Amino acid sequence: MLDPKLLRQDPRAVAEALARKRFSLDVEAFEGLEARRKALQVEQEALQNARTTRARAIGQAMPRG
């Protein structure tokens, strides 16, 4: 089983180790997907923060009517 943390830290070394077992890993494609995953994670965290901020504002406005 591959360690996701190791794969993210050093994908080229993992690719070399997999090549010895006759498995090919497209490092460039993996790095592109990883960059997209990180961007989506940042976007998701920003949206979650906005939702929390709005919910807090609504909660404070409710007692005021």
PDB file of N, CA and C in Angstrom:
ATOM      1  N   MET A   1       0.848  -1.172   0.000  1.00  0.00           N
ATOM      2  CA  MET A   1       0.000   0.000   0.000  1.00  0.00           C
ATOM      3  C   MET A   1       0.895   1.238   0.000  1.00  0.00           C
ATOM      4  N   LEU A   2       0.488   2.231  -0.778  1.00  0.00           N
ATOM      5  CA  LEU A   2       1.254   3.470  -0.885  1.00  0.00           C
ATOM      6  C   LEU A   2       0.845   4.441   0.220  1.00  0.00           C
ATOM      7  N   ASP A   3       1.839   5.089   0.785  1.00  0.00           N
ATOM      8  CA  ASP A   3       1.608   6.104   1.802  1.00  0.00           C
ATOM      9  C   ASP A   3       1.298   7.421   1.092  1.00  0.00           C
ATOM     10  N   PRO A   4       0.091   7.959   1.262  1.00  0.00           N
ATOM     11  CA  PRO A   4      -0.265   9.201   0.557  1.00  0.00           C
ATOM     12  C   PRO A   4       0.668  10.353   0.909  1.00  0.00           C
ATOM     13  N   LYS A   5       1.094  10.426   2.148  1.00  0.00           N
ATOM     14  CA  LYS A   5       1.992  11.515   2.562  1.00  0.00           C
ATOM     15  C   LYS A   5       3.321  11.422   1.817  1.00  0.00           C
ATOM     16  N   LEU A   6       3.878  10.222   1.725  1.00  0.00           N
ATOM     17  CA  LEU A   6       5.133  10.019   1.006  1.00  0.00           C
ATOM     18  C   LEU A   6       4.950  10.312  -0.480  1.00  0.00           C
ATOM     19  N   LEU A   7       3.841   9.892  -1.027  1.00  0.00           N
ATOM     20  CA  LEU A   7       3.554  10.135  -2.445  1.00  0.00           C
ATOM     21  C   LEU A   7       3.482  11.630  -2.727  1.00  0.00           C
ATOM     22  N   ARG A   8       2.890  12.398  -1.812  1.00  0.00           N
ATOM     23  CA  ARG A   8       2.793  13.846  -2.006  1.00  0.00           C
ATOM     24  C   ARG A   8       4.135  14.533  -1.805  1.00  0.00           C
ATOM     25  N   GLN A   9       4.962  14.015  -0.872  1.00  0.00           N
ATOM     26  CA  GLN A   9       6.244  14.641  -0.584  1.00  0.00           C
ATOM     27  C   GLN A   9       7.270  14.398  -1.684  1.00  0.00           C
ATOM     28  N   ASP A  10       7.338  13.177  -2.178  1.00  0.00           N
ATOM     29  CA  ASP A  10       8.381  12.830  -3.149  1.00  0.00           C
ATOM     30  C   ASP A  10       7.833  11.847  -4.191  1.00  0.00           C
ATOM     31  N   PRO A  11       7.004  12.346  -5.109  1.00  0.00           N
ATOM     32  CA  PRO A  11       6.395  11.445  -6.083  1.00  0.00           C
ATOM     33  C   PRO A  11       7.412  10.800  -7.029  1.00  0.00           C
ATOM     34  N   ARG A  12       8.500  11.479  -7.301  1.00  0.00           N
ATOM     35  CA  ARG A  12       9.498  10.907  -8.210  1.00  0.00           C
ATOM     36  C   ARG A  12      10.175   9.684  -7.593  1.00  0.00           C
ATOM     37  N   ALA A  13      10.471   9.736  -6.303  1.00  0.00           N
ATOM     38  CA  ALA A  13      11.081   8.581  -5.638  1.00  0.00           C
ATOM     39  C   ALA A  13      10.098   7.407  -5.602  1.00  0.00           C
ATOM     40  N   VAL A  14       8.835   7.703  -5.386  1.00  0.00           N
ATOM     41  CA  VAL A  14       7.813   6.652  -5.381  1.00  0.00           C
ATOM     42  C   VAL A  14       7.698   6.044  -6.776  1.00  0.00           C
ATOM     43  N   ALA A  15       7.764   6.896  -7.803  1.00  0.00           N
ATOM     44  CA  ALA A  15       7.692   6.403  -9.179  1.00  0.00           C
ATOM     45  C   ALA A  15       8.868   5.480  -9.485  1.00  0.00           C
ATOM     46  N   GLU A  16      10.049   5.847  -8.993  1.00  0.00           N
ATOM     47  CA  GLU A  16      11.224   4.996  -9.215  1.00  0.00           C
ATOM     48  C   GLU A  16      11.073   3.650  -8.516  1.00  0.00           C
ATOM     49  N   ALA A  17      10.556   3.668  -7.293  1.00  0.00           N
ATOM     50  CA  ALA A  17      10.351   2.426  -6.554  1.00  0.00           C
ATOM     51  C   ALA A  17       9.296   1.558  -7.240  1.00  0.00           C
ATOM     52  N   LEU A  18       8.260   2.194  -7.757  1.00  0.00           N
ATOM     53  CA  LEU A  18       7.221   1.437  -8.455  1.00  0.00           C
ATOM     54  C   LEU A  18       7.744   0.875  -9.775  1.00  0.00           C
ATOM     55  N   ALA A  19       8.647   1.591 -10.421  1.00  0.00           N
ATOM     56  CA  ALA A  19       9.212   1.128 -11.690  1.00  0.00           C
ATOM     57  C   ALA A  19       9.973  -0.189 -11.489  1.00  0.00           C
ATOM     58  N   ARG A  20      10.593  -0.336 -10.330  1.00  0.00           N
ATOM     59  CA  ARG A  20      11.283  -1.597 -10.040  1.00  0.00           C
ATOM     60  C   ARG A  20      10.310  -2.756  -9.932  1.00  0.00           C
ATOM     61  N   LYS A  21       9.063  -2.452  -9.641  1.00  0.00           N
ATOM     62  CA  LYS A  21       8.033  -3.491  -9.569  1.00  0.00           C
ATOM     63  C   LYS A  21       7.197  -3.528 -10.852  1.00  0.00           C
ATOM     64  N   ARG A  22       7.731  -2.914 -11.889  1.00  0.00           N
ATOM     65  CA  ARG A  22       7.109  -2.887 -13.221  1.00  0.00           C
ATOM     66  C   ARG A  22       5.747  -2.203 -13.245  1.00  0.00           C
ATOM     67  N   PHE A  23       5.662  -1.121 -12.511  1.00  0.00           N
ATOM     68  CA  PHE A  23       4.454  -0.304 -12.519  1.00  0.00           C
ATOM     69  C   PHE A  23       4.874   1.105 -12.883  1.00  0.00           C
ATOM     70  N   SER A  24       4.150   1.721 -13.783  1.00  0.00           N
ATOM     71  CA  SER A  24       4.530   3.069 -14.192  1.00  0.00           C
ATOM     72  C   SER A  24       3.570   4.082 -13.572  1.00  0.00           C
ATOM     73  N   LEU A  25       4.145   5.139 -13.031  1.00  0.00           N
ATOM     74  CA  LEU A  25       3.379   6.225 -12.433  1.00  0.00           C
ATOM     75  C   LEU A  25       3.677   7.487 -13.234  1.00  0.00           C
ATOM     76  N   ASP A  26       2.635   8.090 -13.757  1.00  0.00           N
ATOM     77  CA  ASP A  26       2.787   9.336 -14.507  1.00  0.00           C
ATOM     78  C   ASP A  26       2.899  10.480 -13.499  1.00  0.00           C
ATOM     79  N   VAL A  27       4.127  10.861 -13.192  1.00  0.00           N
ATOM     80  CA  VAL A  27       4.392  11.851 -12.147  1.00  0.00           C
ATOM     81  C   VAL A  27       3.803  13.208 -12.516  1.00  0.00           C
ATOM     82  N   GLU A  28       3.926  13.614 -13.767  1.00  0.00           N
ATOM     83  CA  GLU A  28       3.410  14.914 -14.183  1.00  0.00           C
ATOM     84  C   GLU A  28       1.891  14.963 -14.015  1.00  0.00           C
ATOM     85  N   ALA A  29       1.210  13.899 -14.406  1.00  0.00           N
ATOM     86  CA  ALA A  29      -0.246  13.857 -14.247  1.00  0.00           C
ATOM     87  C   ALA A  29      -0.612  13.875 -12.763  1.00  0.00           C
ATOM     88  N   PHE A  30       0.129  13.119 -11.956  1.00  0.00           N
ATOM     89  CA  PHE A  30      -0.139  13.101 -10.523  1.00  0.00           C
ATOM     90  C   PHE A  30       0.060  14.491  -9.918  1.00  0.00           C
ATOM     91  N   GLU A  31       1.149  15.154 -10.288  1.00  0.00           N
ATOM     92  CA  GLU A  31       1.410  16.485  -9.745  1.00  0.00           C
ATOM     93  C   GLU A  31       0.341  17.482 -10.174  1.00  0.00           C
ATOM     94  N   GLY A  32      -0.167  17.345 -11.391  1.00  0.00           N
ATOM     95  CA  GLY A  32      -1.256  18.204 -11.843  1.00  0.00           C
ATOM     96  C   GLY A  32      -2.529  17.972 -11.045  1.00  0.00           C
ATOM     97  N   LEU A  33      -2.837  16.711 -10.812  1.00  0.00           N
ATOM     98  CA  LEU A  33      -4.018  16.378 -10.010  1.00  0.00           C
ATOM     99  C   LEU A  33      -3.853  16.849  -8.572  1.00  0.00           C
ATOM    100  N   GLU A  34      -2.657  16.716  -8.041  1.00  0.00           N
ATOM    101  CA  GLU A  34      -2.390  17.157  -6.663  1.00  0.00           C
ATOM    102  C   GLU A  34      -2.540  18.676  -6.549  1.00  0.00           C
ATOM    103  N   ALA A  35      -2.074  19.413  -7.533  1.00  0.00           N
ATOM    104  CA  ALA A  35      -2.222  20.869  -7.531  1.00  0.00           C
ATOM    105  C   ALA A  35      -3.700  21.247  -7.580  1.00  0.00           C
ATOM    106  N   ARG A  36      -4.455  20.538  -8.395  1.00  0.00           N
ATOM    107  CA  ARG A  36      -5.904  20.794  -8.481  1.00  0.00           C
ATOM    108  C   ARG A  36      -6.587  20.471  -7.159  1.00  0.00           C
ATOM    109  N   ARG A  37      -6.179  19.374  -6.522  1.00  0.00           N
ATOM    110  CA  ARG A  37      -6.755  18.987  -5.236  1.00  0.00           C
ATOM    111  C   ARG A  37      -6.494  20.077  -4.191  1.00  0.00           C
ATOM    112  N   LYS A  38      -5.271  20.592  -4.179  1.00  0.00           N
ATOM    113  CA  LYS A  38      -4.928  21.641  -3.215  1.00  0.00           C
ATOM    114  C   LYS A  38      -5.747  22.906  -3.467  1.00  0.00           C
ATOM    115  N   ALA A  39      -5.894  23.275  -4.739  1.00  0.00           N
ATOM    116  CA  ALA A  39      -6.674  24.468  -5.076  1.00  0.00           C
ATOM    117  C   ALA A  39      -8.132  24.297  -4.662  1.00  0.00           C
ATOM    118  N   LEU A  40      -8.691  23.125  -4.910  1.00  0.00           N
ATOM    119  CA  LEU A  40     -10.073  22.864  -4.525  1.00  0.00           C
ATOM    120  C   LEU A  40     -10.232  22.860  -3.003  1.00  0.00           C
ATOM    121  N   GLN A  41      -9.226  22.365  -2.308  1.00  0.00           N
ATOM    122  CA  GLN A  41      -9.280  22.349  -0.849  1.00  0.00           C
ATOM    123  C   GLN A  41      -9.273  23.778  -0.302  1.00  0.00           C
ATOM    124  N   VAL A  42      -8.444  24.637  -0.871  1.00  0.00           N
ATOM    125  CA  VAL A  42      -8.404  26.042  -0.448  1.00  0.00           C
ATOM    126  C   VAL A  42      -9.754  26.699  -0.717  1.00  0.00           C
ATOM    127  N   GLU A  43     -10.319  26.434  -1.887  1.00  0.00           N
ATOM    128  CA  GLU A  43     -11.622  27.008  -2.239  1.00  0.00           C
ATOM    129  C   GLU A  43     -12.701  26.502  -1.285  1.00  0.00           C
ATOM    130  N   GLN A  44     -12.678  25.232  -0.976  1.00  0.00           N
ATOM    131  CA  GLN A  44     -13.663  24.642  -0.068  1.00  0.00           C
ATOM    132  C   GLN A  44     -13.553  25.261   1.324  1.00  0.00           C
ATOM    133  N   GLU A  45     -12.331  25.472   1.792  1.00  0.00           N
ATOM    134  CA  GLU A  45     -12.136  26.081   3.105  1.00  0.00           C
ATOM    135  C   GLU A  45     -12.630  27.525   3.119  1.00  0.00           C
ATOM    136  N   ALA A  46     -12.432  28.256   2.020  1.00  0.00           N
ATOM    137  CA  ALA A  46     -12.911  29.635   1.929  1.00  0.00           C
ATOM    138  C   ALA A  46     -14.442  29.669   1.948  1.00  0.00           C
ATOM    139  N   LEU A  47     -15.066  28.752   1.211  1.00  0.00           N
ATOM    140  CA  LEU A  47     -16.530  28.695   1.196  1.00  0.00           C
ATOM    141  C   LEU A  47     -17.083  28.324   2.569  1.00  0.00           C
ATOM    142  N   GLN A  48     -16.418  27.405   3.235  1.00  0.00           N
ATOM    143  CA  GLN A  48     -16.852  26.998   4.565  1.00  0.00           C
ATOM    144  C   GLN A  48     -16.717  28.164   5.561  1.00  0.00           C
ATOM    145  N   ASN A  49     -15.641  28.915   5.419  1.00  0.00           N
ATOM    146  CA  ASN A  49     -15.440  30.083   6.279  1.00  0.00           C
ATOM    147  C   ASN A  49     -16.529  31.125   6.040  1.00  0.00           C
ATOM    148  N   ALA A  50     -16.880  31.350   4.784  1.00  0.00           N
ATOM    149  CA  ALA A  50     -17.936  32.305   4.455  1.00  0.00           C
ATOM    150  C   ALA A  50     -19.269  31.847   5.026  1.00  0.00           C
ATOM    151  N   ARG A  51     -19.547  30.559   4.924  1.00  0.00           N
ATOM    152  CA  ARG A  51     -20.800  30.018   5.466  1.00  0.00           C
ATOM    153  C   ARG A  51     -20.853  30.212   6.976  1.00  0.00           C
ATOM    154  N   THR A  52     -19.748  29.947   7.651  1.00  0.00           N
ATOM    155  CA  THR A  52     -19.686  30.102   9.100  1.00  0.00           C
ATOM    156  C   THR A  52     -19.891  31.565   9.497  1.00  0.00           C
ATOM    157  N   THR A  53     -19.259  32.463   8.753  1.00  0.00           N
ATOM    158  CA  THR A  53     -19.392  33.899   9.037  1.00  0.00           C
ATOM    159  C   THR A  53     -20.832  34.347   8.867  1.00  0.00           C
ATOM    160  N   ARG A  54     -21.467  33.904   7.801  1.00  0.00           N
ATOM    161  CA  ARG A  54     -22.871  34.283   7.557  1.00  0.00           C
ATOM    162  C   ARG A  54     -23.796  33.695   8.607  1.00  0.00           C
ATOM    163  N   ALA A  55     -23.558  32.449   8.978  1.00  0.00           N
ATOM    164  CA  ALA A  55     -24.390  31.813   9.995  1.00  0.00           C
ATOM    165  C   ALA A  55     -24.253  32.546  11.329  1.00  0.00           C
ATOM    166  N   ARG A  56     -23.038  32.969  11.649  1.00  0.00           N
ATOM    167  CA  ARG A  56     -22.807  33.718  12.886  1.00  0.00           C
ATOM    168  C   ARG A  56     -23.540  35.062  12.833  1.00  0.00           C
ATOM    169  N   ALA A  57     -23.513  35.727  11.686  1.00  0.00           N
ATOM    170  CA  ALA A  57     -24.200  37.008  11.528  1.00  0.00           C
ATOM    171  C   ALA A  57     -25.711  36.839  11.670  1.00  0.00           C
ATOM    172  N   ILE A  58     -26.232  35.785  11.089  1.00  0.00           N
ATOM    173  CA  ILE A  58     -27.664  35.505  11.194  1.00  0.00           C
ATOM    174  C   ILE A  58     -28.034  35.225  12.645  1.00  0.00           C
ATOM    175  N   GLY A  59     -27.211  34.447  13.315  1.00  0.00           N
ATOM    176  CA  GLY A  59     -27.466  34.133  14.714  1.00  0.00           C
ATOM    177  C   GLY A  59     -27.479  35.381  15.593  1.00  0.00           C
ATOM    178  N   GLN A  60     -26.629  36.348  15.288  1.00  0.00           N
ATOM    179  CA  GLN A  60     -26.598  37.589  16.064  1.00  0.00           C
ATOM    180  C   GLN A  60     -27.753  38.510  15.692  1.00  0.00           C
ATOM    181  N   ALA A  61     -28.239  38.440  14.464  1.00  0.00           N
ATOM    182  CA  ALA A  61     -29.304  39.325  14.013  1.00  0.00           C
ATOM    183  C   ALA A  61     -30.687  38.832  14.458  1.00  0.00           C
ATOM    184  N   MET A  62     -30.823  37.538  14.685  1.00  0.00           N
ATOM    185  CA  MET A  62     -32.138  36.993  15.047  1.00  0.00           C
ATOM    186  C   MET A  62     -32.735  37.612  16.306  1.00  0.00           C
ATOM    187  N   PRO A  63     -31.973  37.770  17.368  1.00  0.00           N
ATOM    188  CA  PRO A  63     -32.590  38.374  18.563  1.00  0.00           C
ATOM    189  C   PRO A  63     -33.038  39.823  18.357  1.00  0.00           C
ATOM    190  N   ARG A  64     -32.423  40.489  17.397  1.00  0.00           N
ATOM    191  CA  ARG A  64     -32.772  41.895  17.106  1.00  0.00           C
ATOM    192  C   ARG A  64     -33.986  41.993  16.186  1.00  0.00           C
ATOM    193  N   GLY A  65     -34.372  40.857  15.648  1.00  0.00           N
ATOM    194  CA  GLY A  65     -35.556  40.849  14.775  1.00  0.00           C
ATOM    195  C   GLY A  65     -35.137  41.021  13.384  1.00  0.00           C
TER     196      GLY A  65
END
